[in-house]
């Protein structure tokens, strides 16, 4: 009986990974019927579309030694607005789930995989399975993986124009709307070489 339960569990996990792999490998450019805005950066050499019901913040987290910029997308709701502004009247709580695009200056010219495995910012050490899947973002090869912390998370990492780009989504459940919105963003990602 226990052997059947273990085999069934393994089959479910494998099927789940296959479905997620197919979703990652099929990143295209179709945003469907969602109304979107466009973020465009000549400095970073990329653009992407994001659903218009999101608020985008750009934050400089770097220092004199290394550039690090993060783009944070959160649903533009009243609750999230008060959290961003620090005027929330509720007791202390964690921030909302979010979509983030981190741009890390890659001074060591690391590969995406070595950066994921060796840099704590990747959250890869929080991966429950330690599996790296290949992913394509625009014309770039990258890696996708999942991790678990305060929230569940999926990340896609690739290198571009001397930077490591880490796109992530945090969520409570795999069917949350924010996960679908992350897919919209990743499908629309365009990389520019000039």
N, C-alpha and C. Protein backbone atom coordinates (compact mmCIF):
# COMPACT_ATOMS: atom_id res chain seq x y z
N UNK A 1 0.83 -1.20 0.00
CA UNK A 1 0.00 0.00 0.00
C UNK A 1 0.87 1.26 0.00
N UNK A 2 1.88 1.31 0.87
CA UNK A 2 2.77 2.46 0.96
C UNK A 2 3.53 2.66 -0.35
N UNK A 3 3.92 1.56 -0.98
CA UNK A 3 4.65 1.64 -2.25
C UNK A 3 3.77 2.29 -3.32
N UNK A 4 2.47 1.94 -3.36
CA UNK A 4 1.56 2.54 -4.34
C UNK A 4 1.40 4.04 -4.08
N UNK A 5 1.33 4.46 -2.84
CA UNK A 5 1.19 5.88 -2.50
C UNK A 5 2.44 6.64 -2.94
N UNK A 6 3.60 6.07 -2.70
CA UNK A 6 4.85 6.72 -3.10
C UNK A 6 4.92 6.84 -4.61
N UNK A 7 4.59 5.79 -5.33
CA UNK A 7 4.63 5.81 -6.80
C UNK A 7 3.63 6.83 -7.33
N UNK A 8 2.43 6.87 -6.77
CA UNK A 8 1.42 7.85 -7.18
C UNK A 8 1.93 9.27 -6.94
N UNK A 9 2.54 9.52 -5.79
CA UNK A 9 3.09 10.83 -5.48
C UNK A 9 4.17 11.24 -6.46
N UNK A 10 5.05 10.30 -6.81
CA UNK A 10 6.12 10.58 -7.78
C UNK A 10 5.52 10.92 -9.13
N UNK A 11 4.52 10.18 -9.56
CA UNK A 11 3.88 10.44 -10.85
C UNK A 11 3.25 11.83 -10.87
N UNK A 12 2.58 12.23 -9.79
CA UNK A 12 1.96 13.55 -9.71
C UNK A 12 3.02 14.65 -9.79
N UNK A 13 4.12 14.49 -9.06
CA UNK A 13 5.19 15.49 -9.10
C UNK A 13 5.79 15.59 -10.50
N UNK A 14 6.06 14.46 -11.13
CA UNK A 14 6.64 14.46 -12.48
C UNK A 14 5.69 15.13 -13.47
N UNK A 15 4.39 14.81 -13.41
CA UNK A 15 3.43 15.43 -14.31
C UNK A 15 3.36 16.94 -14.08
N UNK A 16 3.40 17.37 -12.82
CA UNK A 16 3.40 18.80 -12.51
C UNK A 16 4.62 19.49 -13.09
N UNK A 17 5.79 18.87 -12.97
CA UNK A 17 7.02 19.44 -13.53
C UNK A 17 6.95 19.51 -15.06
N UNK A 18 6.37 18.49 -15.68
CA UNK A 18 6.24 18.50 -17.14
C UNK A 18 5.35 19.65 -17.59
N UNK A 19 4.22 19.84 -16.93
CA UNK A 19 3.32 20.95 -17.29
C UNK A 19 4.02 22.28 -17.11
N UNK A 20 4.73 22.47 -15.97
CA UNK A 20 5.42 23.73 -15.73
C UNK A 20 6.53 23.95 -16.75
N UNK A 21 7.26 22.89 -17.10
CA UNK A 21 8.31 22.98 -18.11
C UNK A 21 7.73 23.42 -19.45
N UNK A 22 6.61 22.84 -19.85
CA UNK A 22 6.00 23.22 -21.11
C UNK A 22 5.56 24.68 -21.09
N UNK A 23 5.04 25.16 -19.97
CA UNK A 23 4.65 26.56 -19.87
C UNK A 23 5.88 27.45 -20.00
N UNK A 24 6.98 27.11 -19.35
CA UNK A 24 8.20 27.92 -19.41
C UNK A 24 8.77 27.92 -20.82
N UNK A 25 8.81 26.75 -21.47
CA UNK A 25 9.40 26.67 -22.81
C UNK A 25 8.55 27.35 -23.87
N UNK A 26 7.27 27.57 -23.59
CA UNK A 26 6.38 28.19 -24.57
C UNK A 26 6.20 29.67 -24.33
N UNK A 27 7.17 30.33 -23.69
CA UNK A 27 7.05 31.77 -23.51
C UNK A 27 7.09 32.41 -24.89
N UNK A 28 6.03 33.06 -25.26
CA UNK A 28 5.94 33.70 -26.57
C UNK A 28 5.73 35.18 -26.42
N UNK A 29 4.82 35.76 -27.23
CA UNK A 29 4.59 37.20 -27.16
C UNK A 29 3.11 37.53 -27.05
N UNK A 30 2.25 36.57 -26.88
CA UNK A 30 0.82 36.81 -26.84
C UNK A 30 0.38 37.19 -25.43
N UNK A 31 -0.25 38.36 -25.28
CA UNK A 31 -0.75 38.77 -23.98
C UNK A 31 -2.25 38.54 -23.86
N UNK A 32 -2.88 37.96 -24.88
CA UNK A 32 -4.30 37.65 -24.82
C UNK A 32 -5.14 38.90 -24.83
N UNK A 33 -6.24 38.89 -24.08
CA UNK A 33 -7.19 40.00 -24.07
C UNK A 33 -6.95 40.97 -22.93
N UNK A 34 -5.80 40.92 -22.29
CA UNK A 34 -5.51 41.77 -21.14
C UNK A 34 -5.01 43.13 -21.63
N UNK A 35 -5.56 44.20 -21.07
CA UNK A 35 -5.06 45.54 -21.38
C UNK A 35 -3.74 45.74 -20.65
N UNK A 36 -2.74 46.23 -21.38
CA UNK A 36 -1.41 46.32 -20.81
C UNK A 36 -0.80 47.71 -20.98
N UNK A 37 0.22 47.96 -20.16
CA UNK A 37 1.11 49.11 -20.29
C UNK A 37 2.47 48.53 -20.68
N UNK A 38 3.38 49.38 -21.13
CA UNK A 38 4.71 48.92 -21.53
C UNK A 38 5.78 49.60 -20.70
N UNK A 39 6.72 48.81 -20.21
CA UNK A 39 7.92 49.33 -19.56
C UNK A 39 9.05 49.17 -20.58
N UNK A 40 9.83 50.23 -20.78
CA UNK A 40 10.90 50.20 -21.77
C UNK A 40 12.14 50.84 -21.16
N UNK A 41 13.28 50.15 -21.20
CA UNK A 41 14.51 50.70 -20.66
C UNK A 41 15.64 50.55 -21.68
N UNK A 42 16.15 51.68 -22.16
CA UNK A 42 17.31 51.62 -23.05
C UNK A 42 18.57 51.30 -22.23
N UNK A 43 18.60 51.70 -20.96
CA UNK A 43 19.74 51.40 -20.10
C UNK A 43 19.92 49.89 -19.93
N UNK A 44 18.84 49.17 -19.64
CA UNK A 44 18.91 47.73 -19.42
C UNK A 44 18.73 46.93 -20.71
N UNK A 45 18.22 47.56 -21.75
CA UNK A 45 18.08 46.88 -23.03
C UNK A 45 16.93 45.90 -23.08
N UNK A 46 15.82 46.22 -22.42
CA UNK A 46 14.65 45.36 -22.52
C UNK A 46 13.37 46.15 -22.34
N UNK A 47 12.31 45.55 -22.79
CA UNK A 47 10.97 46.09 -22.56
C UNK A 47 10.03 44.91 -22.30
N UNK A 48 8.90 45.20 -21.67
CA UNK A 48 7.89 44.18 -21.45
C UNK A 48 6.54 44.87 -21.24
N UNK A 49 5.50 44.11 -21.47
CA UNK A 49 4.15 44.59 -21.21
C UNK A 49 3.69 44.01 -19.88
N UNK A 50 2.88 44.79 -19.17
CA UNK A 50 2.32 44.30 -17.91
C UNK A 50 0.87 44.76 -17.80
N UNK A 51 0.03 43.97 -17.13
CA UNK A 51 -1.38 44.34 -17.01
C UNK A 51 -1.55 45.73 -16.40
N UNK A 52 -2.49 46.50 -16.95
CA UNK A 52 -2.64 47.89 -16.52
C UNK A 52 -3.15 48.04 -15.09
N UNK A 53 -3.61 46.97 -14.48
CA UNK A 53 -4.06 47.07 -13.09
C UNK A 53 -2.93 46.86 -12.10
N UNK A 54 -1.67 46.97 -12.58
CA UNK A 54 -0.51 46.86 -11.71
C UNK A 54 0.17 48.22 -11.58
N UNK A 55 0.78 48.44 -10.41
CA UNK A 55 1.58 49.63 -10.14
C UNK A 55 3.04 49.21 -10.23
N UNK A 56 3.84 49.95 -11.00
CA UNK A 56 5.25 49.62 -11.19
C UNK A 56 6.12 50.64 -10.44
N UNK A 57 7.00 50.14 -9.60
CA UNK A 57 7.98 50.98 -8.90
C UNK A 57 9.38 50.55 -9.33
N UNK A 58 10.25 51.50 -9.55
CA UNK A 58 11.65 51.21 -9.87
C UNK A 58 12.49 51.68 -8.69
N UNK A 59 13.28 50.76 -8.11
CA UNK A 59 14.07 51.08 -6.93
C UNK A 59 15.54 50.78 -7.19
N UNK A 60 16.40 51.71 -6.77
CA UNK A 60 17.84 51.52 -6.86
C UNK A 60 18.31 50.92 -5.54
N UNK A 61 18.80 49.68 -5.58
CA UNK A 61 19.30 49.00 -4.38
C UNK A 61 20.81 48.81 -4.42
N UNK A 62 21.45 49.40 -5.42
CA UNK A 62 22.89 49.21 -5.59
C UNK A 62 23.70 50.05 -4.62
N UNK A 63 25.01 49.94 -4.77
CA UNK A 63 25.94 50.73 -3.97
C UNK A 63 27.07 51.19 -4.88
N UNK A 64 28.12 51.75 -4.29
CA UNK A 64 29.22 52.27 -5.11
C UNK A 64 30.00 51.17 -5.81
N UNK A 65 29.82 49.93 -5.39
CA UNK A 65 30.55 48.82 -5.99
C UNK A 65 29.79 48.10 -7.09
N UNK A 66 28.46 48.09 -6.99
CA UNK A 66 27.68 47.29 -7.93
C UNK A 66 26.28 47.86 -8.10
N UNK A 67 25.83 47.92 -9.35
CA UNK A 67 24.48 48.37 -9.66
C UNK A 67 23.48 47.23 -9.40
N UNK A 68 22.38 47.57 -8.77
CA UNK A 68 21.27 46.63 -8.58
C UNK A 68 19.99 47.45 -8.59
N UNK A 69 19.17 47.21 -9.59
CA UNK A 69 17.88 47.89 -9.70
C UNK A 69 16.80 46.83 -9.67
N UNK A 70 15.69 47.13 -9.00
CA UNK A 70 14.56 46.21 -8.98
C UNK A 70 13.31 46.94 -9.45
N UNK A 71 12.58 46.28 -10.31
CA UNK A 71 11.25 46.74 -10.73
C UNK A 71 10.25 45.90 -9.97
N UNK A 72 9.35 46.54 -9.25
CA UNK A 72 8.37 45.84 -8.43
C UNK A 72 6.99 46.14 -8.97
N UNK A 73 6.26 45.09 -9.31
CA UNK A 73 4.88 45.22 -9.78
C UNK A 73 3.94 44.61 -8.76
N UNK A 74 3.01 45.44 -8.26
CA UNK A 74 1.98 44.96 -7.35
C UNK A 74 0.63 45.39 -7.89
N UNK A 75 -0.38 44.61 -7.57
CA UNK A 75 -1.72 44.98 -7.99
C UNK A 75 -2.03 46.37 -7.43
N UNK A 76 -2.58 47.24 -8.25
CA UNK A 76 -2.86 48.62 -7.84
C UNK A 76 -4.20 48.68 -7.13
N UNK A 77 -4.22 48.15 -5.91
CA UNK A 77 -5.44 48.14 -5.10
C UNK A 77 -5.30 49.16 -3.97
N UNK A 78 -6.41 49.51 -3.35
CA UNK A 78 -6.39 50.47 -2.24
C UNK A 78 -5.48 49.96 -1.11
N UNK A 79 -5.62 48.69 -0.77
CA UNK A 79 -4.80 48.10 0.30
C UNK A 79 -3.31 48.20 -0.03
N UNK A 80 -2.92 47.85 -1.26
CA UNK A 80 -1.52 47.91 -1.64
C UNK A 80 -1.01 49.35 -1.69
N UNK A 81 -1.87 50.29 -2.10
CA UNK A 81 -1.48 51.70 -2.12
C UNK A 81 -1.14 52.18 -0.70
N UNK A 82 -1.98 51.83 0.26
CA UNK A 82 -1.71 52.28 1.64
C UNK A 82 -0.46 51.60 2.21
N UNK A 83 -0.19 50.37 1.81
CA UNK A 83 1.05 49.70 2.24
C UNK A 83 2.27 50.40 1.65
N UNK A 84 2.21 50.74 0.34
CA UNK A 84 3.33 51.43 -0.31
C UNK A 84 3.59 52.78 0.32
N UNK A 85 2.52 53.49 0.67
CA UNK A 85 2.64 54.84 1.23
C UNK A 85 2.90 54.84 2.73
N UNK A 86 2.82 53.67 3.36
CA UNK A 86 3.03 53.58 4.79
C UNK A 86 1.89 54.13 5.61
N UNK A 87 0.68 54.20 5.02
CA UNK A 87 -0.48 54.75 5.72
C UNK A 87 -1.51 53.70 6.08
N UNK A 88 -1.14 52.43 5.96
CA UNK A 88 -2.08 51.35 6.27
C UNK A 88 -2.47 51.42 7.74
N UNK A 89 -3.76 51.30 8.03
CA UNK A 89 -4.23 51.40 9.42
C UNK A 89 -4.27 50.03 10.11
N UNK A 90 -3.94 48.98 9.39
CA UNK A 90 -3.97 47.64 9.98
C UNK A 90 -2.68 47.39 10.75
N UNK A 91 -2.68 46.33 11.53
CA UNK A 91 -1.47 45.96 12.25
C UNK A 91 -0.39 45.56 11.26
N UNK A 92 0.84 45.48 11.74
CA UNK A 92 1.97 45.14 10.88
C UNK A 92 1.71 43.84 10.14
N UNK A 93 2.11 43.81 8.89
CA UNK A 93 1.93 42.61 8.08
C UNK A 93 3.00 42.57 7.00
N UNK A 94 3.10 41.44 6.37
CA UNK A 94 4.06 41.30 5.28
C UNK A 94 3.54 42.06 4.07
N UNK A 95 4.44 42.37 3.17
CA UNK A 95 4.05 43.04 1.94
C UNK A 95 3.22 42.12 1.06
N UNK A 96 2.62 42.68 0.03
CA UNK A 96 1.78 41.87 -0.85
C UNK A 96 2.62 40.97 -1.75
N UNK A 97 1.97 39.98 -2.34
CA UNK A 97 2.65 39.19 -3.37
C UNK A 97 3.00 40.16 -4.49
N UNK A 98 4.03 39.83 -5.25
CA UNK A 98 4.52 40.78 -6.25
C UNK A 98 5.21 40.05 -7.39
N UNK A 99 5.38 40.79 -8.46
CA UNK A 99 6.23 40.38 -9.58
C UNK A 99 7.42 41.33 -9.53
N UNK A 100 8.63 40.77 -9.56
CA UNK A 100 9.82 41.61 -9.52
C UNK A 100 10.76 41.25 -10.67
N UNK A 101 11.42 42.26 -11.16
CA UNK A 101 12.48 42.06 -12.15
C UNK A 101 13.71 42.75 -11.57
N UNK A 102 14.66 41.93 -11.12
CA UNK A 102 15.91 42.43 -10.54
C UNK A 102 16.97 42.46 -11.63
N UNK A 103 17.71 43.57 -11.68
CA UNK A 103 18.82 43.70 -12.62
C UNK A 103 20.08 43.86 -11.78
N UNK A 104 20.94 42.84 -11.79
CA UNK A 104 22.18 42.82 -11.03
C UNK A 104 23.35 43.01 -11.99
N UNK A 105 24.20 43.98 -11.73
CA UNK A 105 25.39 44.15 -12.54
C UNK A 105 26.25 42.90 -12.39
N UNK A 106 26.71 42.36 -13.50
CA UNK A 106 27.43 41.09 -13.51
C UNK A 106 28.92 41.34 -13.73
N UNK A 107 29.58 41.90 -12.72
CA UNK A 107 30.99 42.26 -12.84
C UNK A 107 31.90 41.05 -13.04
N UNK A 108 31.49 39.90 -12.51
CA UNK A 108 32.31 38.69 -12.61
C UNK A 108 32.04 37.92 -13.90
N UNK A 109 31.10 38.41 -14.71
CA UNK A 109 30.73 37.74 -15.96
C UNK A 109 30.32 36.29 -15.72
N UNK A 110 29.53 36.09 -14.67
CA UNK A 110 29.05 34.75 -14.33
C UNK A 110 28.01 34.27 -15.33
N UNK A 111 27.90 32.97 -15.47
CA UNK A 111 26.79 32.40 -16.23
C UNK A 111 25.54 32.47 -15.34
N UNK A 112 24.39 32.39 -15.95
CA UNK A 112 23.15 32.39 -15.17
C UNK A 112 23.12 31.26 -14.16
N UNK A 113 23.55 30.08 -14.57
CA UNK A 113 23.51 28.94 -13.67
C UNK A 113 24.45 29.12 -12.48
N UNK A 114 25.67 29.59 -12.72
CA UNK A 114 26.60 29.77 -11.59
C UNK A 114 26.10 30.86 -10.65
N UNK A 115 25.47 31.90 -11.20
CA UNK A 115 24.91 32.96 -10.36
C UNK A 115 23.77 32.40 -9.49
N UNK A 116 22.89 31.62 -10.10
CA UNK A 116 21.76 31.03 -9.36
C UNK A 116 22.27 30.17 -8.21
N UNK A 117 23.23 29.32 -8.50
CA UNK A 117 23.72 28.38 -7.48
C UNK A 117 24.60 29.04 -6.42
N UNK A 118 25.24 30.17 -6.76
CA UNK A 118 26.19 30.76 -5.84
C UNK A 118 25.79 32.08 -5.19
N UNK A 119 24.70 32.68 -5.61
CA UNK A 119 24.32 33.99 -5.08
C UNK A 119 23.03 33.86 -4.26
N UNK A 120 23.07 34.30 -3.03
CA UNK A 120 21.91 34.20 -2.14
C UNK A 120 20.69 34.96 -2.63
N UNK A 121 20.89 36.00 -3.46
CA UNK A 121 19.75 36.75 -4.00
C UNK A 121 18.86 35.90 -4.90
N UNK A 122 19.37 34.79 -5.38
CA UNK A 122 18.59 33.94 -6.29
C UNK A 122 17.48 33.18 -5.59
N UNK A 123 17.57 33.01 -4.27
CA UNK A 123 16.62 32.21 -3.48
C UNK A 123 16.65 30.72 -3.86
N UNK A 124 17.63 30.31 -4.66
CA UNK A 124 17.68 28.91 -5.10
C UNK A 124 17.86 27.95 -3.92
N UNK A 125 18.52 28.40 -2.88
CA UNK A 125 18.71 27.54 -1.71
C UNK A 125 17.38 27.26 -1.02
N UNK A 126 16.34 28.03 -1.35
CA UNK A 126 15.00 27.80 -0.80
C UNK A 126 14.16 26.89 -1.70
N UNK A 127 14.78 26.38 -2.77
CA UNK A 127 14.05 25.49 -3.68
C UNK A 127 13.80 24.15 -3.00
N UNK A 128 12.55 23.71 -2.96
CA UNK A 128 12.27 22.43 -2.31
C UNK A 128 12.76 21.22 -3.10
N UNK A 129 13.01 21.40 -4.40
CA UNK A 129 13.43 20.25 -5.22
C UNK A 129 14.80 20.43 -5.86
N UNK A 130 15.33 21.66 -5.88
CA UNK A 130 16.65 21.90 -6.45
C UNK A 130 16.73 21.69 -7.95
N UNK A 131 15.58 21.79 -8.64
CA UNK A 131 15.55 21.54 -10.08
C UNK A 131 15.64 22.85 -10.85
N UNK A 132 16.58 22.91 -11.80
CA UNK A 132 16.70 24.03 -12.73
C UNK A 132 16.19 23.57 -14.09
N UNK A 133 15.23 24.29 -14.63
CA UNK A 133 14.71 23.99 -15.96
C UNK A 133 15.25 25.03 -16.93
N UNK A 134 15.48 24.63 -18.17
CA UNK A 134 15.90 25.61 -19.16
C UNK A 134 14.69 26.43 -19.59
N UNK A 135 14.93 27.69 -19.87
CA UNK A 135 13.87 28.60 -20.30
C UNK A 135 14.45 29.56 -21.34
N UNK A 136 13.62 30.04 -22.21
CA UNK A 136 14.05 31.00 -23.22
C UNK A 136 13.29 32.29 -22.96
N UNK A 137 14.01 33.40 -22.88
CA UNK A 137 13.41 34.72 -22.74
C UNK A 137 13.90 35.52 -23.92
N UNK A 138 12.98 35.84 -24.82
CA UNK A 138 13.40 36.47 -26.07
C UNK A 138 14.38 35.55 -26.76
N UNK A 139 15.55 36.07 -27.08
CA UNK A 139 16.58 35.26 -27.75
C UNK A 139 17.58 34.65 -26.77
N UNK A 140 17.38 34.87 -25.49
CA UNK A 140 18.33 34.42 -24.48
C UNK A 140 17.91 33.11 -23.83
N UNK A 141 18.91 32.26 -23.58
CA UNK A 141 18.68 31.06 -22.80
C UNK A 141 18.80 31.42 -21.33
N UNK A 142 17.95 30.81 -20.54
CA UNK A 142 17.98 31.06 -19.11
C UNK A 142 17.57 29.82 -18.35
N UNK A 143 17.27 30.04 -17.08
CA UNK A 143 16.90 28.94 -16.19
C UNK A 143 15.69 29.34 -15.37
N UNK A 144 14.82 28.38 -15.13
CA UNK A 144 13.62 28.59 -14.32
C UNK A 144 13.66 27.62 -13.15
N UNK A 145 13.16 28.07 -12.02
CA UNK A 145 13.10 27.23 -10.83
C UNK A 145 12.05 27.79 -9.89
N UNK A 146 11.70 26.97 -8.92
CA UNK A 146 10.74 27.43 -7.91
C UNK A 146 11.41 27.42 -6.56
N UNK A 147 10.86 28.21 -5.65
CA UNK A 147 11.39 28.28 -4.30
C UNK A 147 10.25 28.55 -3.34
N UNK A 148 10.52 28.36 -2.07
CA UNK A 148 9.48 28.50 -1.06
C UNK A 148 10.06 29.23 0.15
N UNK A 149 9.43 30.37 0.47
CA UNK A 149 9.86 31.15 1.63
C UNK A 149 8.62 31.63 2.34
N UNK A 150 8.53 32.92 2.59
CA UNK A 150 7.32 33.50 3.16
C UNK A 150 6.14 33.21 2.23
N UNK A 151 6.38 33.36 0.93
CA UNK A 151 5.43 33.01 -0.12
C UNK A 151 6.07 31.94 -0.99
N UNK A 152 5.28 31.34 -1.85
CA UNK A 152 5.83 30.48 -2.89
C UNK A 152 6.38 31.39 -3.98
N UNK A 153 7.40 30.93 -4.69
CA UNK A 153 7.98 31.76 -5.73
C UNK A 153 8.47 30.97 -6.92
N UNK A 154 8.39 31.60 -8.09
CA UNK A 154 8.98 31.09 -9.33
C UNK A 154 9.91 32.17 -9.85
N UNK A 155 11.07 31.76 -10.35
CA UNK A 155 12.02 32.72 -10.91
C UNK A 155 12.56 32.22 -12.24
N UNK A 156 12.87 33.17 -13.09
CA UNK A 156 13.54 32.91 -14.36
C UNK A 156 14.75 33.84 -14.41
N UNK A 157 15.92 33.27 -14.64
CA UNK A 157 17.18 34.03 -14.61
C UNK A 157 17.89 33.87 -15.94
N UNK A 158 18.41 35.00 -16.46
CA UNK A 158 19.20 34.97 -17.69
C UNK A 158 20.16 36.16 -17.66
N UNK A 159 21.18 36.12 -18.50
CA UNK A 159 22.11 37.24 -18.56
C UNK A 159 21.84 38.05 -19.82
N UNK A 160 22.08 39.38 -19.70
CA UNK A 160 21.83 40.27 -20.84
C UNK A 160 22.57 41.58 -20.61
N UNK A 161 23.36 42.00 -21.58
CA UNK A 161 24.06 43.28 -21.57
C UNK A 161 24.86 43.51 -20.29
N UNK A 162 25.62 42.51 -19.86
CA UNK A 162 26.46 42.66 -18.69
C UNK A 162 25.73 42.62 -17.36
N UNK A 163 24.49 42.15 -17.39
CA UNK A 163 23.69 42.05 -16.17
C UNK A 163 23.10 40.66 -16.03
N UNK A 164 22.79 40.29 -14.81
CA UNK A 164 21.97 39.12 -14.53
C UNK A 164 20.56 39.65 -14.29
N UNK A 165 19.59 39.13 -15.02
CA UNK A 165 18.19 39.53 -14.87
C UNK A 165 17.47 38.38 -14.18
N UNK A 166 16.83 38.68 -13.05
CA UNK A 166 16.04 37.68 -12.34
C UNK A 166 14.60 38.17 -12.27
N UNK A 167 13.72 37.49 -12.99
CA UNK A 167 12.29 37.80 -12.97
C UNK A 167 11.61 36.80 -12.06
N UNK A 168 10.81 37.30 -11.12
CA UNK A 168 10.20 36.42 -10.11
C UNK A 168 8.75 36.80 -9.86
N UNK A 169 8.00 35.81 -9.40
CA UNK A 169 6.64 36.04 -8.93
C UNK A 169 6.49 35.34 -7.58
N UNK A 170 5.83 36.02 -6.64
CA UNK A 170 5.49 35.38 -5.37
C UNK A 170 3.98 35.24 -5.32
N UNK A 171 3.54 34.15 -4.70
CA UNK A 171 2.11 33.84 -4.71
C UNK A 171 1.77 32.93 -3.54
N UNK A 172 0.47 32.83 -3.27
CA UNK A 172 -0.01 31.92 -2.22
C UNK A 172 -0.37 30.56 -2.80
N UNK A 173 -1.00 30.54 -3.98
CA UNK A 173 -1.38 29.30 -4.64
C UNK A 173 -1.02 29.34 -6.10
N UNK A 174 -0.68 28.19 -6.72
CA UNK A 174 -0.21 28.16 -8.11
C UNK A 174 -1.25 28.64 -9.13
N UNK A 175 -2.51 28.70 -8.74
CA UNK A 175 -3.55 29.17 -9.67
C UNK A 175 -3.91 30.64 -9.46
N UNK A 176 -3.16 31.35 -8.61
CA UNK A 176 -3.43 32.76 -8.36
C UNK A 176 -3.28 33.56 -9.65
N UNK A 177 -4.05 34.62 -9.78
CA UNK A 177 -4.01 35.49 -10.97
C UNK A 177 -2.61 36.05 -11.20
N UNK A 178 -1.87 36.35 -10.14
CA UNK A 178 -0.55 36.94 -10.29
C UNK A 178 0.40 36.01 -11.04
N UNK A 179 0.22 34.70 -10.93
CA UNK A 179 1.05 33.74 -11.66
C UNK A 179 0.75 33.85 -13.16
N UNK A 180 -0.52 33.97 -13.52
CA UNK A 180 -0.89 34.17 -14.93
C UNK A 180 -0.37 35.51 -15.44
N UNK A 181 -0.41 36.54 -14.60
CA UNK A 181 0.09 37.85 -15.01
C UNK A 181 1.61 37.82 -15.23
N UNK A 182 2.31 37.05 -14.41
CA UNK A 182 3.75 36.87 -14.59
C UNK A 182 4.03 36.24 -15.96
N UNK A 183 3.22 35.25 -16.34
CA UNK A 183 3.38 34.62 -17.65
C UNK A 183 3.17 35.64 -18.77
N UNK A 184 2.18 36.53 -18.61
CA UNK A 184 1.95 37.58 -19.62
C UNK A 184 3.20 38.44 -19.78
N UNK A 185 3.78 38.84 -18.66
CA UNK A 185 4.98 39.68 -18.69
C UNK A 185 6.13 38.95 -19.37
N UNK A 186 6.36 37.70 -18.99
CA UNK A 186 7.49 36.97 -19.55
C UNK A 186 7.30 36.67 -21.03
N UNK A 187 6.08 36.46 -21.46
CA UNK A 187 5.83 36.24 -22.90
C UNK A 187 6.11 37.49 -23.71
N UNK A 188 5.93 38.66 -23.11
CA UNK A 188 6.09 39.92 -23.85
C UNK A 188 7.50 40.46 -23.79
N UNK A 189 8.38 39.85 -23.01
CA UNK A 189 9.74 40.37 -22.82
C UNK A 189 10.46 40.49 -24.16
N UNK A 190 11.00 41.67 -24.45
CA UNK A 190 11.80 41.88 -25.65
C UNK A 190 13.17 42.39 -25.25
N UNK A 191 14.21 41.76 -25.78
CA UNK A 191 15.58 42.14 -25.47
C UNK A 191 16.17 42.90 -26.65
N UNK A 192 16.90 43.97 -26.32
CA UNK A 192 17.51 44.80 -27.35
C UNK A 192 19.02 44.74 -27.17
N UNK A 193 19.74 44.64 -28.26
CA UNK A 193 21.20 44.52 -28.18
C UNK A 193 21.93 45.82 -28.37
N UNK A 194 21.22 46.91 -28.72
CA UNK A 194 21.94 48.18 -28.90
C UNK A 194 21.71 49.12 -27.77
